[in-house]
Amino acid sequence: LFGLEGKVNIANVELGSSVAALKNKQIDGFVTAGSYPAPNVIEAAAS
């Protein structure tokens, strides 16, 4: 929708790996949908 198709490198891994991948700098970020405060976002912010 925001004109980024083909411009963003989409990581082909499950969302459950997001916090570790973010911490280890394997990804720049992740997308998640959950009622805030979302547990996986709390975990990411703590690490």
All heavy atoms as atom14 arrays in JSON, in Angstrom:
{
  "sequence": "LFGLEGKVNIANVELGSSVAALKNKQIDGFVTAGSYPAPNVIEAAAS",
  "atom14_mask": [
    [1, 1, 1, 1, 1, 1, 1, 1, 0, 0, 0, 0, 0, 0],
    [1, 1, 1, 1, 1, 1, 1, 1, 1, 1, 1, 0, 0, 0],
    [1, 1, 1, 1, 0, 0, 0, 0, 0, 0, 0, 0, 0, 0],
    [1, 1, 1, 1, 1, 1, 1, 1, 0, 0, 0, 0, 0, 0],
    [1, 1, 1, 1, 1, 1, 1, 1, 1, 0, 0, 0, 0, 0],
    [1, 1, 1, 1, 0, 0, 0, 0, 0, 0, 0, 0, 0, 0],
    [1, 1, 1, 1, 1, 1, 1, 1, 1, 0, 0, 0, 0, 0],
    [1, 1, 1, 1, 1, 1, 1, 0, 0, 0, 0, 0, 0, 0],
    [1, 1, 1, 1, 1, 1, 1, 1, 0, 0, 0, 0, 0, 0],
    [1, 1, 1, 1, 1, 1, 1, 1, 0, 0, 0, 0, 0, 0],
    [1, 1, 1, 1, 1, 0, 0, 0, 0, 0, 0, 0, 0, 0],
    [1, 1, 1, 1, 1, 1, 1, 1, 0, 0, 0, 0, 0, 0],
    [1, 1, 1, 1, 1, 1, 1, 0, 0, 0, 0, 0, 0, 0],
    [1, 1, 1, 1, 1, 1, 1, 1, 1, 0, 0, 0, 0, 0],
    [1, 1, 1, 1, 1, 1, 1, 1, 0, 0, 0, 0, 0, 0],
    [1, 1, 1, 1, 0, 0, 0, 0, 0, 0, 0, 0, 0, 0],
    [1, 1, 1, 1, 1, 1, 0, 0, 0, 0, 0, 0, 0, 0],
    [1, 1, 1, 1, 1, 1, 0, 0, 0, 0, 0, 0, 0, 0],
    [1, 1, 1, 1, 1, 1, 1, 0, 0, 0, 0, 0, 0, 0],
    [1, 1, 1, 1, 1, 0, 0, 0, 0, 0, 0, 0, 0, 0],
    [1, 1, 1, 1, 1, 0, 0, 0, 0, 0, 0, 0, 0, 0],
    [1, 1, 1, 1, 1, 1, 1, 1, 0, 0, 0, 0, 0, 0],
    [1, 1, 1, 1, 1, 1, 1, 1, 1, 0, 0, 0, 0, 0],
    [1, 1, 1, 1, 1, 1, 1, 1, 0, 0, 0, 0, 0, 0],
    [1, 1, 1, 1, 1, 1, 1, 1, 1, 0, 0, 0, 0, 0],
    [1, 1, 1, 1, 1, 1, 1, 1, 1, 0, 0, 0, 0, 0],
    [1, 1, 1, 1, 1, 1, 1, 1, 0, 0, 0, 0, 0, 0],
    [1, 1, 1, 1, 1, 1, 1, 1, 0, 0, 0, 0, 0, 0],
    [1, 1, 1, 1, 0, 0, 0, 0, 0, 0, 0, 0, 0, 0],
    [1, 1, 1, 1, 1, 1, 1, 1, 1, 1, 1, 0, 0, 0],
    [1, 1, 1, 1, 1, 1, 1, 0, 0, 0, 0, 0, 0, 0],
    [1, 1, 1, 1, 1, 1, 1, 0, 0, 0, 0, 0, 0, 0],
    [1, 1, 1, 1, 1, 0, 0, 0, 0, 0, 0, 0, 0, 0],
    [1, 1, 1, 1, 0, 0, 0, 0, 0, 0, 0, 0, 0, 0],
    [1, 1, 1, 1, 1, 1, 0, 0, 0, 0, 0, 0, 0, 0],
    [1, 1, 1, 1, 1, 1, 1, 1, 1, 1, 1, 1, 0, 0],
    [1, 1, 1, 1, 1, 1, 1, 0, 0, 0, 0, 0, 0, 0],
    [1, 1, 1, 1, 1, 0, 0, 0, 0, 0, 0, 0, 0, 0],
    [1, 1, 1, 1, 1, 1, 1, 0, 0, 0, 0, 0, 0, 0],
    [1, 1, 1, 1, 1, 1, 1, 1, 0, 0, 0, 0, 0, 0],
    [1, 1, 1, 1, 1, 1, 1, 0, 0, 0, 0, 0, 0, 0],
    [1, 1, 1, 1, 1, 1, 1, 1, 0, 0, 0, 0, 0, 0],
    [1, 1, 1, 1, 1, 1, 1, 1, 1, 0, 0, 0, 0, 0],
    [1, 1, 1, 1, 1, 0, 0, 0, 0, 0, 0, 0, 0, 0],
    [1, 1, 1, 1, 1, 0, 0, 0, 0, 0, 0, 0, 0, 0],
    [1, 1, 1, 1, 1, 0, 0, 0, 0, 0, 0, 0, 0, 0],
    [1, 1, 1, 1, 1, 1, 0, 0, 0, 0, 0, 0, 0, 0]
  ],
  "atom14_positions": [
    [[0.81, -1.22, 0.0], [0.0, 0.0, 0.0], [0.85, 1.27, 0.0], [0.51, 2.27, -0.66], [-0.89, -0.03, 1.25], [-2.19, 0.78, 1.26], [-3.1, 0.37, 0.12], [-2.9, 0.58, 2.6], [0.0, 0.0, 0.0], [0.0, 0.0, 0.0], [0.0, 0.0, 0.0], [0.0, 0.0, 0.0], [0.0, 0.0, 0.0], [0.0, 0.0, 0.0]],
    [[1.97, 1.22, 0.71], [2.81, 2.41, 0.85], [3.98, 2.42, -0.13], [4.98, 3.11, 0.08], [3.32, 2.52, 2.29], [2.2, 2.57, 3.32], [2.37, 2.02, 4.58], [0.98, 3.19, 3.03], [1.36, 2.06, 5.53], [-0.03, 3.23, 3.97], [0.15, 2.66, 5.22], [0.0, 0.0, 0.0], [0.0, 0.0, 0.0], [0.0, 0.0, 0.0]],
    [[3.88, 1.64, -1.22], [4.86, 1.69, -2.3], [6.2, 1.08, -1.99], [7.22, 1.49, -2.57], [0.0, 0.0, 0.0], [0.0, 0.0, 0.0], [0.0, 0.0, 0.0], [0.0, 0.0, 0.0], [0.0, 0.0, 0.0], [0.0, 0.0, 0.0], [0.0, 0.0, 0.0], [0.0, 0.0, 0.0], [0.0, 0.0, 0.0], [0.0, 0.0, 0.0]],
    [[6.23, 0.09, -1.1], [7.51, -0.51, -0.7], [7.71, -1.93, -1.23], [8.7, -2.57, -0.91], [7.6, -0.54, 0.83], [7.77, 0.83, 1.5], [7.44, 0.74, 2.98], [9.18, 1.36, 1.3], [0.0, 0.0, 0.0], [0.0, 0.0, 0.0], [0.0, 0.0, 0.0], [0.0, 0.0, 0.0], [0.0, 0.0, 0.0], [0.0, 0.0, 0.0]],
    [[6.78, -2.4, -2.04], [6.89, -3.75, -2.57], [8.16, -3.87, -3.42], [8.43, -3.05, -4.29], [5.66, -4.1, -3.42], [5.48, -5.58, -3.65], [4.12, -5.91, -4.26], [3.54, -5.05, -4.94], [3.65, -7.05, -4.04], [0.0, 0.0, 0.0], [0.0, 0.0, 0.0], [0.0, 0.0, 0.0], [0.0, 0.0, 0.0], [0.0, 0.0, 0.0]],
    [[8.96, -4.89, -3.13], [10.22, -5.08, -3.84], [11.36, -4.25, -3.29], [12.51, -4.44, -3.69], [0.0, 0.0, 0.0], [0.0, 0.0, 0.0], [0.0, 0.0, 0.0], [0.0, 0.0, 0.0], [0.0, 0.0, 0.0], [0.0, 0.0, 0.0], [0.0, 0.0, 0.0], [0.0, 0.0, 0.0], [0.0, 0.0, 0.0], [0.0, 0.0, 0.0]],
    [[11.06, -3.35, -2.36], [12.1, -2.49, -1.79], [12.52, -2.95, -0.39], [13.54, -2.49, 0.13], [11.59, -1.04, -1.71], [11.27, -0.42, -3.06], [10.74, 1.0, -2.9], [10.36, 1.6, -4.25], [9.81, 2.98, -4.08], [0.0, 0.0, 0.0], [0.0, 0.0, 0.0], [0.0, 0.0, 0.0], [0.0, 0.0, 0.0], [0.0, 0.0, 0.0]],
    [[11.71, -3.83, 0.2], [12.0, -4.32, 1.55], [12.39, -5.79, 1.46], [11.75, -6.58, 0.75], [10.77, -4.17, 2.47], [11.07, -4.71, 3.86], [10.33, -2.71, 2.56], [0.0, 0.0, 0.0], [0.0, 0.0, 0.0], [0.0, 0.0, 0.0], [0.0, 0.0, 0.0], [0.0, 0.0, 0.0], [0.0, 0.0, 0.0], [0.0, 0.0, 0.0]],
    [[13.44, -6.15, 2.15], [13.9, -7.55, 2.19], [13.09, -8.29, 3.25], [13.27, -8.05, 4.44], [15.4, -7.59, 2.5], [15.95, -9.0, 2.47], [15.25, -9.94, 2.13], [17.22, -9.15, 2.82], [0.0, 0.0, 0.0], [0.0, 0.0, 0.0], [0.0, 0.0, 0.0], [0.0, 0.0, 0.0], [0.0, 0.0, 0.0], [0.0, 0.0, 0.0]],
    [[12.19, -9.18, 2.82], [11.33, -9.9, 3.75], [12.03, -11.17, 4.23], [12.4, -12.04, 3.44], [9.98, -10.28, 3.1], [9.27, -9.02, 2.57], [9.1, -11.03, 4.09], [8.9, -8.02, 3.64], [0.0, 0.0, 0.0], [0.0, 0.0, 0.0], [0.0, 0.0, 0.0], [0.0, 0.0, 0.0], [0.0, 0.0, 0.0], [0.0, 0.0, 0.0]],
    [[12.23, -11.29, 5.53], [12.88, -12.46, 6.12], [11.93, -13.65, 6.08], [10.79, -13.55, 6.54], [13.3, -12.16, 7.55], [0.0, 0.0, 0.0], [0.0, 0.0, 0.0], [0.0, 0.0, 0.0], [0.0, 0.0, 0.0], [0.0, 0.0, 0.0], [0.0, 0.0, 0.0], [0.0, 0.0, 0.0], [0.0, 0.0, 0.0], [0.0, 0.0, 0.0]],
    [[12.37, -14.75, 5.55], [11.53, -15.93, 5.38], [11.64, -16.87, 6.59], [12.08, -18.01, 6.48], [11.91, -16.67, 4.09], [10.91, -17.78, 3.76], [9.75, -17.69, 4.11], [11.39, -18.82, 3.09], [0.0, 0.0, 0.0], [0.0, 0.0, 0.0], [0.0, 0.0, 0.0], [0.0, 0.0, 0.0], [0.0, 0.0, 0.0], [0.0, 0.0, 0.0]],
    [[11.27, -16.36, 7.76], [11.31, -17.16, 8.99], [10.04, -16.91, 9.79], [9.31, -15.95, 9.53], [12.55, -16.82, 9.85], [13.82, -17.31, 9.2], [12.62, -15.33, 10.13], [0.0, 0.0, 0.0], [0.0, 0.0, 0.0], [0.0, 0.0, 0.0], [0.0, 0.0, 0.0], [0.0, 0.0, 0.0], [0.0, 0.0, 0.0], [0.0, 0.0, 0.0]],
    [[9.78, -17.78, 10.75], [8.57, -17.66, 11.56], [8.68, -16.51, 12.55], [9.77, -16.15, 13.01], [8.32, -18.97, 12.32], [8.05, -20.17, 11.43], [6.75, -20.05, 10.65], [5.86, -19.3, 11.1], [6.64, -20.68, 9.58], [0.0, 0.0, 0.0], [0.0, 0.0, 0.0], [0.0, 0.0, 0.0], [0.0, 0.0, 0.0], [0.0, 0.0, 0.0]],
    [[7.52, -15.95, 12.92], [7.48, -14.82, 13.84], [8.07, -15.16, 15.2], [8.62, -14.3, 15.89], [6.05, -14.32, 13.99], [5.85, -13.02, 14.78], [6.57, -11.86, 14.12], [4.37, -12.72, 14.94], [0.0, 0.0, 0.0], [0.0, 0.0, 0.0], [0.0, 0.0, 0.0], [0.0, 0.0, 0.0], [0.0, 0.0, 0.0], [0.0, 0.0, 0.0]],
    [[8.0, -16.42, 15.59], [8.54, -16.84, 16.88], [10.03, -16.59, 17.03], [10.55, -16.53, 18.15], [0.0, 0.0, 0.0], [0.0, 0.0, 0.0], [0.0, 0.0, 0.0], [0.0, 0.0, 0.0], [0.0, 0.0, 0.0], [0.0, 0.0, 0.0], [0.0, 0.0, 0.0], [0.0, 0.0, 0.0], [0.0, 0.0, 0.0], [0.0, 0.0, 0.0]],
    [[10.72, -16.42, 15.9], [12.16, -16.17, 15.93], [12.49, -14.69, 15.98], [13.67, -14.31, 15.98], [12.81, -16.79, 14.68], [12.45, -18.14, 14.52], [0.0, 0.0, 0.0], [0.0, 0.0, 0.0], [0.0, 0.0, 0.0], [0.0, 0.0, 0.0], [0.0, 0.0, 0.0], [0.0, 0.0, 0.0], [0.0, 0.0, 0.0], [0.0, 0.0, 0.0]],
    [[11.47, -13.84, 16.01], [11.68, -12.4, 15.8], [12.56, -11.74, 16.86], [13.45, -10.95, 16.52], [10.33, -11.68, 15.73], [9.59, -11.9, 16.92], [0.0, 0.0, 0.0], [0.0, 0.0, 0.0], [0.0, 0.0, 0.0], [0.0, 0.0, 0.0], [0.0, 0.0, 0.0], [0.0, 0.0, 0.0], [0.0, 0.0, 0.0], [0.0, 0.0, 0.0]],
    [[12.32, -12.03, 18.13], [13.07, -11.35, 19.19], [14.55, -11.71, 19.13], [15.41, -10.82, 19.2], [12.48, -11.71, 20.57], [13.34, -11.1, 21.68], [11.04, -11.2, 20.69], [0.0, 0.0, 0.0], [0.0, 0.0, 0.0], [0.0, 0.0, 0.0], [0.0, 0.0, 0.0], [0.0, 0.0, 0.0], [0.0, 0.0, 0.0], [0.0, 0.0, 0.0]],
    [[14.85, -12.99, 18.98], [16.26, -13.42, 18.89], [16.92, -12.85, 17.64], [18.07, -12.4, 17.69], [16.33, -14.94, 18.88], [0.0, 0.0, 0.0], [0.0, 0.0, 0.0], [0.0, 0.0, 0.0], [0.0, 0.0, 0.0], [0.0, 0.0, 0.0], [0.0, 0.0, 0.0], [0.0, 0.0, 0.0], [0.0, 0.0, 0.0], [0.0, 0.0, 0.0]],
    [[16.2, -12.86, 16.53], [16.75, -12.35, 15.27], [17.02, -10.85, 15.36], [18.02, -10.35, 14.81], [15.8, -12.65, 14.12], [0.0, 0.0, 0.0], [0.0, 0.0, 0.0], [0.0, 0.0, 0.0], [0.0, 0.0, 0.0], [0.0, 0.0, 0.0], [0.0, 0.0, 0.0], [0.0, 0.0, 0.0], [0.0, 0.0, 0.0], [0.0, 0.0, 0.0]],
    [[16.14, -10.12, 16.05], [16.33, -8.68, 16.23], [17.55, -8.41, 17.09], [18.41, -7.58, 16.75], [15.09, -8.06, 16.86], [15.03, -6.52, 16.85], [14.68, -6.02, 15.46], [13.97, -6.02, 17.85], [0.0, 0.0, 0.0], [0.0, 0.0, 0.0], [0.0, 0.0, 0.0], [0.0, 0.0, 0.0], [0.0, 0.0, 0.0], [0.0, 0.0, 0.0]],
    [[17.66, -9.14, 18.19], [18.77, -8.96, 19.12], [20.11, -9.28, 18.46], [21.11, -8.59, 18.69], [18.56, -9.86, 20.34], [19.65, -9.73, 21.4], [19.38, -10.66, 22.58], [20.48, -10.56, 23.62], [20.23, -11.47, 24.77], [0.0, 0.0, 0.0], [0.0, 0.0, 0.0], [0.0, 0.0, 0.0], [0.0, 0.0, 0.0], [0.0, 0.0, 0.0]],
    [[20.12, -10.32, 17.62], [21.36, -10.74, 16.96], [21.64, -10.0, 15.66], [22.55, -10.37, 14.91], [21.3, -12.25, 16.68], [21.23, -13.07, 17.97], [21.77, -12.65, 18.99], [20.56, -14.21, 17.91], [0.0, 0.0, 0.0], [0.0, 0.0, 0.0], [0.0, 0.0, 0.0], [0.0, 0.0, 0.0], [0.0, 0.0, 0.0], [0.0, 0.0, 0.0]],
    [[20.81, -8.98, 15.38], [20.96, -8.12, 14.19], [20.85, -8.89, 12.88], [21.44, -8.51, 11.87], [22.3, -7.35, 14.25], [22.39, -6.42, 15.46], [23.56, -5.46, 15.37], [23.56, -4.47, 16.51], [24.64, -3.48, 16.44], [0.0, 0.0, 0.0], [0.0, 0.0, 0.0], [0.0, 0.0, 0.0], [0.0, 0.0, 0.0], [0.0, 0.0, 0.0]],
    [[20.06, -9.98, 12.91], [19.78, -10.71, 11.67], [18.67, -10.02, 10.88], [18.52, -10.25, 9.69], [19.38, -12.15, 12.01], [20.5, -12.97, 12.65], [20.0, -14.28, 13.21], [19.12, -14.32, 14.07], [20.55, -15.37, 12.71], [0.0, 0.0, 0.0], [0.0, 0.0, 0.0], [0.0, 0.0, 0.0], [0.0, 0.0, 0.0], [0.0, 0.0, 0.0]],
    [[17.87, -9.22, 11.57], [16.82, -8.43, 10.93], [16.87, -7.01, 11.49], [17.45, -6.77, 12.56], [15.42, -9.02, 11.19], [15.14, -9.15, 12.7], [15.25, -10.38, 10.49], [13.71, -9.58, 13.05], [0.0, 0.0, 0.0], [0.0, 0.0, 0.0], [0.0, 0.0, 0.0], [0.0, 0.0, 0.0], [0.0, 0.0, 0.0], [0.0, 0.0, 0.0]],
    [[16.26, -6.08, 10.75], [16.17, -4.7, 11.23], [14.9, -4.46, 12.04], [14.83, -3.52, 12.83], [16.22, -3.73, 10.05], [17.55, -3.78, 9.31], [18.57, -3.42, 9.93], [17.57, -4.18, 8.13], [0.0, 0.0, 0.0], [0.0, 0.0, 0.0], [0.0, 0.0, 0.0], [0.0, 0.0, 0.0], [0.0, 0.0, 0.0], [0.0, 0.0, 0.0]],
    [[13.91, -5.32, 11.8], [12.66, -5.14, 12.51], [11.69, -6.27, 12.23], [11.95, -7.15, 11.39], [0.0, 0.0, 0.0], [0.0, 0.0, 0.0], [0.0, 0.0, 0.0], [0.0, 0.0, 0.0], [0.0, 0.0, 0.0], [0.0, 0.0, 0.0], [0.0, 0.0, 0.0], [0.0, 0.0, 0.0], [0.0, 0.0, 0.0], [0.0, 0.0, 0.0]],
    [[10.57, -6.25, 12.94], [9.53, -7.26, 12.68], [8.15, -6.65, 12.86], [7.98, -5.59, 13.48], [9.7, -8.49, 13.58], [9.5, -8.25, 15.06], [8.24, -8.38, 15.65], [10.58, -7.92, 15.89], [8.06, -8.18, 17.01], [10.41, -7.73, 17.26], [9.14, -7.85, 17.82], [0.0, 0.0, 0.0], [0.0, 0.0, 0.0], [0.0, 0.0, 0.0]],
    [[7.17, -7.32, 12.26], [5.78, -6.88, 12.32], [4.99, -7.88, 13.14], [5.12, -9.09, 12.95], [5.17, -6.78, 10.9], [3.72, -6.3, 10.98], [6.0, -5.86, 10.03], [0.0, 0.0, 0.0], [0.0, 0.0, 0.0], [0.0, 0.0, 0.0], [0.0, 0.0, 0.0], [0.0, 0.0, 0.0], [0.0, 0.0, 0.0], [0.0, 0.0, 0.0]],
    [[4.18, -7.38, 14.06], [3.36, -8.28, 14.85], [2.04, -7.58, 15.18], [1.98, -6.36, 15.26], [4.08, -8.69, 16.16], [3.31, -9.68, 16.84], [4.3, -7.51, 17.08], [0.0, 0.0, 0.0], [0.0, 0.0, 0.0], [0.0, 0.0, 0.0], [0.0, 0.0, 0.0], [0.0, 0.0, 0.0], [0.0, 0.0, 0.0], [0.0, 0.0, 0.0]],
    [[1.0, -8.37, 15.33], [-0.31, -7.84, 15.72], [-0.73, -8.51, 17.01], [-0.79, -9.74, 17.09], [-1.35, -8.09, 14.62], [0.0, 0.0, 0.0], [0.0, 0.0, 0.0], [0.0, 0.0, 0.0], [0.0, 0.0, 0.0], [0.0, 0.0, 0.0], [0.0, 0.0, 0.0], [0.0, 0.0, 0.0], [0.0, 0.0, 0.0], [0.0, 0.0, 0.0]],
    [[-0.99, -7.71, 18.01], [-1.43, -8.26, 19.29], [-1.93, -7.14, 20.16], [-1.64, -5.97, 19.91], [0.0, 0.0, 0.0], [0.0, 0.0, 0.0], [0.0, 0.0, 0.0], [0.0, 0.0, 0.0], [0.0, 0.0, 0.0], [0.0, 0.0, 0.0], [0.0, 0.0, 0.0], [0.0, 0.0, 0.0], [0.0, 0.0, 0.0], [0.0, 0.0, 0.0]],
    [[-2.7, -7.48, 21.15], [-3.2, -6.46, 22.06], [-2.03, -5.87, 22.84], [-1.21, -6.61, 23.36], [-4.21, -7.09, 23.02], [-5.25, -7.67, 22.29], [0.0, 0.0, 0.0], [0.0, 0.0, 0.0], [0.0, 0.0, 0.0], [0.0, 0.0, 0.0], [0.0, 0.0, 0.0], [0.0, 0.0, 0.0], [0.0, 0.0, 0.0], [0.0, 0.0, 0.0]],
    [[-1.96, -4.56, 22.87], [-0.82, -3.96, 23.57], [-1.07, -3.89, 25.06], [-2.23, -3.75, 25.48], [-0.51, -2.57, 22.99], [-1.42, -1.44, 23.44], [-1.2, -0.76, 24.64], [-2.49, -1.03, 22.66], [-2.02, 0.27, 25.05], [-3.32, 0.0, 23.05], [-3.08, 0.65, 24.25], [-3.89, 1.68, 24.65], [0.0, 0.0, 0.0], [0.0, 0.0, 0.0]],
    [[-0.04, -4.02, 25.87], [1.35, -4.3, 25.48], [1.54, -5.77, 25.07], [1.19, -6.67, 25.83], [2.15, -3.96, 26.74], [1.18, -4.16, 27.87], [-0.17, -3.79, 27.33], [0.0, 0.0, 0.0], [0.0, 0.0, 0.0], [0.0, 0.0, 0.0], [0.0, 0.0, 0.0], [0.0, 0.0, 0.0], [0.0, 0.0, 0.0], [0.0, 0.0, 0.0]],
    [[2.08, -5.96, 23.86], [2.26, -7.3, 23.32], [3.48, -7.96, 23.97], [4.55, -7.36, 24.03], [2.44, -7.24, 21.81], [0.0, 0.0, 0.0], [0.0, 0.0, 0.0], [0.0, 0.0, 0.0], [0.0, 0.0, 0.0], [0.0, 0.0, 0.0], [0.0, 0.0, 0.0], [0.0, 0.0, 0.0], [0.0, 0.0, 0.0], [0.0, 0.0, 0.0]],
    [[3.33, -9.2, 24.45], [4.45, -9.87, 25.14], [5.74, -9.94, 24.33], [6.83, -9.75, 24.88], [3.89, -11.27, 25.42], [2.42, -11.07, 25.52], [2.1, -10.01, 24.5], [0.0, 0.0, 0.0], [0.0, 0.0, 0.0], [0.0, 0.0, 0.0], [0.0, 0.0, 0.0], [0.0, 0.0, 0.0], [0.0, 0.0, 0.0], [0.0, 0.0, 0.0]],
    [[5.63, -10.21, 23.02], [6.87, -10.33, 22.23], [7.55, -8.97, 22.03], [8.77, -8.89, 21.91], [6.63, -11.02, 20.88], [5.55, -10.37, 20.04], [4.77, -9.54, 20.52], [5.48, -10.74, 18.78], [0.0, 0.0, 0.0], [0.0, 0.0, 0.0], [0.0, 0.0, 0.0], [0.0, 0.0, 0.0], [0.0, 0.0, 0.0], [0.0, 0.0, 0.0]],
    [[6.78, -7.89, 22.04], [7.37, -6.55, 21.92], [8.02, -6.15, 23.25], [9.09, -5.53, 23.27], [6.32, -5.51, 21.48], [6.97, -4.13, 21.3], [5.66, -5.94, 20.17], [0.0, 0.0, 0.0], [0.0, 0.0, 0.0], [0.0, 0.0, 0.0], [0.0, 0.0, 0.0], [0.0, 0.0, 0.0], [0.0, 0.0, 0.0], [0.0, 0.0, 0.0]],
    [[7.38, -6.51, 24.36], [7.99, -6.28, 25.68], [9.33, -7.0, 25.77], [10.33, -6.44, 26.23], [7.05, -6.77, 26.8], [5.79, -5.91, 26.87], [7.76, -6.76, 28.16], [4.75, -6.42, 27.84], [0.0, 0.0, 0.0], [0.0, 0.0, 0.0], [0.0, 0.0, 0.0], [0.0, 0.0, 0.0], [0.0, 0.0, 0.0], [0.0, 0.0, 0.0]],
    [[9.34, -8.24, 25.3], [10.57, -9.04, 25.34], [11.65, -8.42, 24.46], [12.82, -8.36, 24.84], [10.26, -10.47, 24.87], [11.44, -11.42, 24.99], [11.13, -12.81, 24.46], [9.97, -13.07, 24.07], [12.07, -13.63, 24.41], [0.0, 0.0, 0.0], [0.0, 0.0, 0.0], [0.0, 0.0, 0.0], [0.0, 0.0, 0.0], [0.0, 0.0, 0.0]],
    [[11.25, -7.95, 23.27], [12.22, -7.33, 22.36], [12.82, -6.08, 22.98], [14.04, -5.86, 22.93], [11.55, -7.01, 21.03], [0.0, 0.0, 0.0], [0.0, 0.0, 0.0], [0.0, 0.0, 0.0], [0.0, 0.0, 0.0], [0.0, 0.0, 0.0], [0.0, 0.0, 0.0], [0.0, 0.0, 0.0], [0.0, 0.0, 0.0], [0.0, 0.0, 0.0]],
    [[11.96, -5.25, 23.58], [12.43, -3.99, 24.18], [13.35, -4.23, 25.36], [14.23, -3.4, 25.65], [11.23, -3.16, 24.62], [0.0, 0.0, 0.0], [0.0, 0.0, 0.0], [0.0, 0.0, 0.0], [0.0, 0.0, 0.0], [0.0, 0.0, 0.0], [0.0, 0.0, 0.0], [0.0, 0.0, 0.0], [0.0, 0.0, 0.0], [0.0, 0.0, 0.0]],
    [[13.18, -5.37, 26.03], [14.03, -5.69, 27.18], [15.41, -6.19, 26.76], [16.36, -6.12, 27.54], [13.35, -6.75, 28.05], [0.0, 0.0, 0.0], [0.0, 0.0, 0.0], [0.0, 0.0, 0.0], [0.0, 0.0, 0.0], [0.0, 0.0, 0.0], [0.0, 0.0, 0.0], [0.0, 0.0, 0.0], [0.0, 0.0, 0.0], [0.0, 0.0, 0.0]],
    [[15.52, -6.66, 25.51], [16.79, -7.24, 25.07], [17.61, -6.32, 24.18], [18.82, -6.49, 24.06], [16.52, -8.55, 24.31], [15.75, -8.32, 23.15], [0.0, 0.0, 0.0], [0.0, 0.0, 0.0], [0.0, 0.0, 0.0], [0.0, 0.0, 0.0], [0.0, 0.0, 0.0], [0.0, 0.0, 0.0], [0.0, 0.0, 0.0], [0.0, 0.0, 0.0]]
  ]
}
